[in-house]
C-alpha atoms as a PDB file:
ATOM      1  CA  UNK A   1     250.839-148.778-102.328  1.00  0.00           C
ATOM      2  CA  UNK A   2     248.592-145.899-103.384  1.00  0.00           C
ATOM      3  CA  UNK A   3     245.516-146.268-105.529  1.00  0.00           C
ATOM      4  CA  UNK A   4     245.434-144.298-108.749  1.00  0.00           C
ATOM      5  CA  UNK A   5     242.038-143.293-110.036  1.00  0.00           C
ATOM      6  CA  UNK A   6     241.761-144.376-113.649  1.00  0.00           C
ATOM      7  CA  UNK A   7     238.080-143.676-114.306  1.00  0.00           C
ATOM      8  CA  UNK A   8     236.186-140.425-113.989  1.00  0.00           C
ATOM      9  CA  UNK A   9     232.452-139.817-114.315  1.00  0.00           C
ATOM     10  CA  UNK A  10     231.934-136.352-115.744  1.00  0.00           C
ATOM     11  CA  UNK A  11     229.080-134.155-114.516  1.00  0.00           C
ATOM     12  CA  UNK A  12     228.280-132.708-117.966  1.00  0.00           C
ATOM     13  CA  UNK A  13     229.289-135.369-120.494  1.00  0.00           C
ATOM     14  CA  UNK A  14     228.794-134.996-124.261  1.00  0.00           C
ATOM     15  CA  UNK A  15     225.265-135.658-125.495  1.00  0.00           C
ATOM     16  CA  UNK A  16     226.363-137.977-128.318  1.00  0.00           C
ATOM     17  CA  UNK A  17     229.251-140.282-129.208  1.00  0.00           C
ATOM     18  CA  UNK A  18     232.753-139.233-128.182  1.00  0.00           C
ATOM     19  CA  UNK A  19     235.281-139.059-131.023  1.00  0.00           C
ATOM     20  CA  UNK A  20     238.469-138.095-129.146  1.00  0.00           C
ATOM     21  CA  UNK A  21     239.664-137.860-125.559  1.00  0.00           C
ATOM     22  CA  UNK A  22     243.080-136.419-124.780  1.00  0.00           C
ATOM     23  CA  UNK A  23     244.777-135.179-121.615  1.00  0.00           C
ATOM     24  CA  UNK A  24     246.538-131.816-121.398  1.00  0.00           C
ATOM     25  CA  UNK A  25     250.178-131.571-122.450  1.00  0.00           C
ATOM     26  CA  UNK A  26     251.534-130.711-118.995  1.00  0.00           C
ATOM     27  CA  UNK A  27     248.977-132.211-116.641  1.00  0.00           C
ATOM     28  CA  UNK A  28     246.442-135.005-116.522  1.00  0.00           C
ATOM     29  CA  UNK A  29     244.124-132.578-114.691  1.00  0.00           C
ATOM     30  CA  UNK A  30     242.632-131.345-117.973  1.00  0.00           C
ATOM     31  CA  UNK A  31     240.733-133.507-120.429  1.00  0.00           C
ATOM     32  CA  UNK A  32     239.824-132.359-123.953  1.00  0.00           C
ATOM     33  CA  UNK A  33     236.859-134.139-125.553  1.00  0.00           C
ATOM     34  CA  UNK A  34     235.318-133.901-129.034  1.00  0.00           C
ATOM     35  CA  UNK A  35     231.960-135.378-129.911  1.00  0.00           C
ATOM     36  CA  UNK A  36     229.255-136.050-132.475  1.00  0.00           C
ATOM     37  CA  UNK A  37     227.150-133.448-130.607  1.00  0.00           C
ATOM     38  CA  UNK A  38     229.156-130.748-132.497  1.00  0.00           C
ATOM     39  CA  UNK A  39     231.120-129.583-129.442  1.00  0.00           C
ATOM     40  CA  UNK A  40     234.626-129.602-128.034  1.00  0.00           C
ATOM     41  CA  UNK A  41     234.771-129.495-124.256  1.00  0.00           C
ATOM     42  CA  UNK A  42     237.570-128.993-121.753  1.00  0.00           C
ATOM     43  CA  UNK A  43     237.102-130.636-118.370  1.00  0.00           C
ATOM     44  CA  UNK A  44     238.962-130.133-115.122  1.00  0.00           C
ATOM     45  CA  UNK A  45     238.764-133.673-113.773  1.00  0.00           C
ATOM     46  CA  UNK A  46     240.089-132.731-110.317  1.00  0.00           C
ATOM     47  CA  UNK A  47     237.115-130.440-109.635  1.00  0.00           C
ATOM     48  CA  UNK A  48     234.859-132.383-112.075  1.00  0.00           C
ATOM     49  CA  UNK A  49     233.775-129.227-113.893  1.00  0.00           C
ATOM     50  CA  UNK A  50     233.519-128.292-117.527  1.00  0.00           C
ATOM     51  CA  UNK A  51     235.953-125.423-117.909  1.00  0.00           C
ATOM     52  CA  UNK A  52     234.873-124.333-121.393  1.00  0.00           C
ATOM     53  CA  UNK A  53     233.301-125.491-124.632  1.00  0.00           C
ATOM     54  CA  UNK A  54     232.949-124.340-128.212  1.00  0.00           C
ATOM     55  CA  UNK A  55     230.996-125.588-131.196  1.00  0.00           C
ATOM     56  CA  UNK A  56     231.252-126.573-134.824  1.00  0.00           C
ATOM     57  CA  UNK A  57     228.235-126.641-137.140  1.00  0.00           C
ATOM     58  CA  UNK A  58     228.501-130.413-137.584  1.00  0.00           C
ATOM     59  CA  UNK A  59     230.018-133.317-135.592  1.00  0.00           C
ATOM     60  CA  UNK A  60     233.618-132.874-134.413  1.00  0.00           C
ATOM     61  CA  UNK A  61     235.852-135.817-135.304  1.00  0.00           C
ATOM     62  CA  UNK A  62     239.158-134.871-133.656  1.00  0.00           C
ATOM     63  CA  UNK A  63     240.795-132.400-131.276  1.00  0.00           C
ATOM     64  CA  UNK A  64     244.299-131.784-129.986  1.00  0.00           C
ATOM     65  CA  UNK A  65     246.197-129.507-127.604  1.00  0.00           C
ATOM     66  CA  UNK A  66     248.763-127.150-129.117  1.00  0.00           C
ATOM     67  CA  UNK A  67     249.873-126.091-125.638  1.00  0.00           C
ATOM     68  CA  UNK A  68     248.051-125.621-122.311  1.00  0.00           C
ATOM     69  CA  UNK A  69     246.142-122.604-123.699  1.00  0.00           C
ATOM     70  CA  UNK A  70     245.346-123.420-127.352  1.00  0.00           C
ATOM     71  CA  UNK A  71     243.402-126.336-128.825  1.00  0.00           C
ATOM     72  CA  UNK A  72     242.605-127.326-132.407  1.00  0.00           C
ATOM     73  CA  UNK A  73     239.653-129.234-133.825  1.00  0.00           C
ATOM     74  CA  UNK A  74     238.116-130.384-137.067  1.00  0.00           C
ATOM     75  CA  UNK A  75     235.156-132.392-138.207  1.00  0.00           C
ATOM     76  CA  UNK A  76     232.377-133.075-140.645  1.00  0.00           C
ATOM     77  CA  UNK A  77     231.871-129.323-141.300  1.00  0.00           C
ATOM     78  CA  UNK A  78     235.307-129.333-143.035  1.00  0.00           C
ATOM     79  CA  UNK A  79     236.526-126.440-140.834  1.00  0.00           C
ATOM     80  CA  UNK A  80     239.797-126.428-138.871  1.00  0.00           C
ATOM     81  CA  UNK A  81     239.439-124.297-135.734  1.00  0.00           C
ATOM     82  CA  UNK A  82     241.878-122.980-133.144  1.00  0.00           C
ATOM     83  CA  UNK A  83     240.440-122.078-129.735  1.00  0.00           C
ATOM     84  CA  UNK A  84     242.084-119.973-127.011  1.00  0.00           C
ATOM     85  CA  UNK A  85     241.032-121.418-123.643  1.00  0.00           C
ATOM     86  CA  UNK A  86     241.895-118.283-121.655  1.00  0.00           C
ATOM     87  CA  UNK A  87     240.152-115.705-123.848  1.00  0.00           C
ATOM     88  CA  UNK A  88     237.346-117.948-125.130  1.00  0.00           C
ATOM     89  CA  UNK A  89     238.045-116.869-128.704  1.00  0.00           C
ATOM     90  CA  UNK A  90     237.967-119.203-131.680  1.00  0.00           C
ATOM     91  CA  UNK A  91     239.362-118.771-135.174  1.00  0.00           C
ATOM     92  CA  UNK A  92     238.490-120.760-138.278  1.00  0.00           C
ATOM     93  CA  UNK A  93     242.015-121.353-139.554  1.00  0.00           C
ATOM     94  CA  UNK A  94     241.154-123.203-142.740  1.00  0.00           C
ATOM     95  CA  UNK A  95     238.848-125.472-144.678  1.00  0.00           C
ATOM     96  CA  UNK A  96     239.204-128.865-146.281  1.00  0.00           C
ATOM     97  CA  UNK A  97     237.411-130.397-149.268  1.00  0.00           C
ATOM     98  CA  UNK A  98     236.050-133.211-147.085  1.00  0.00           C
ATOM     99  CA  UNK A  99     235.506-133.942-143.408  1.00  0.00           C
ATOM    100  CA  UNK A 100     238.564-133.426-141.189  1.00  0.00           C
ATOM    101  CA  UNK A 101     239.009-136.737-139.413  1.00  0.00           C
ATOM    102  CA  UNK A 102     242.454-136.241-137.875  1.00  0.00           C
ATOM    103  CA  UNK A 103     244.093-133.179-136.325  1.00  0.00           C
ATOM    104  CA  UNK A 104     247.700-133.188-135.155  1.00  0.00           C
ATOM    105  CA  UNK A 105     249.827-130.272-133.946  1.00  0.00           C
ATOM    106  CA  UNK A 106     253.544-130.148-134.709  1.00  0.00           C
ATOM    107  CA  UNK A 107     255.618-127.808-132.573  1.00  0.00           C
ATOM    108  CA  UNK A 108     258.546-128.211-134.984  1.00  0.00           C
ATOM    109  CA  UNK A 109     256.764-126.213-137.665  1.00  0.00           C
ATOM    110  CA  UNK A 110     254.217-124.446-135.415  1.00  0.00           C
ATOM    111  CA  UNK A 111     251.299-125.944-137.337  1.00  0.00           C
END
């Protein structure tokens, strides 16, 4: 029987409370993390490196993968962002009247 590693200690963890942790859609190699420190980070847990990160102006409450290249996030700043992992570009897609506490991507409607 083989042992499966179920815990990982990250080299550069968030500096405040974690609000969401989710694995990539096609592989458990990539871990997307949002935090109260205003950042969304993507980790490669095989090499234990932070692959990329981007920021909001206030704490981030949720994040989700659209596909292996695009991620979405929202938080206390009331801004919904889409981030392209390969190009490092981010787009503020919309705003909400209050904090965005839940982000979900639906492939059926591409939103």
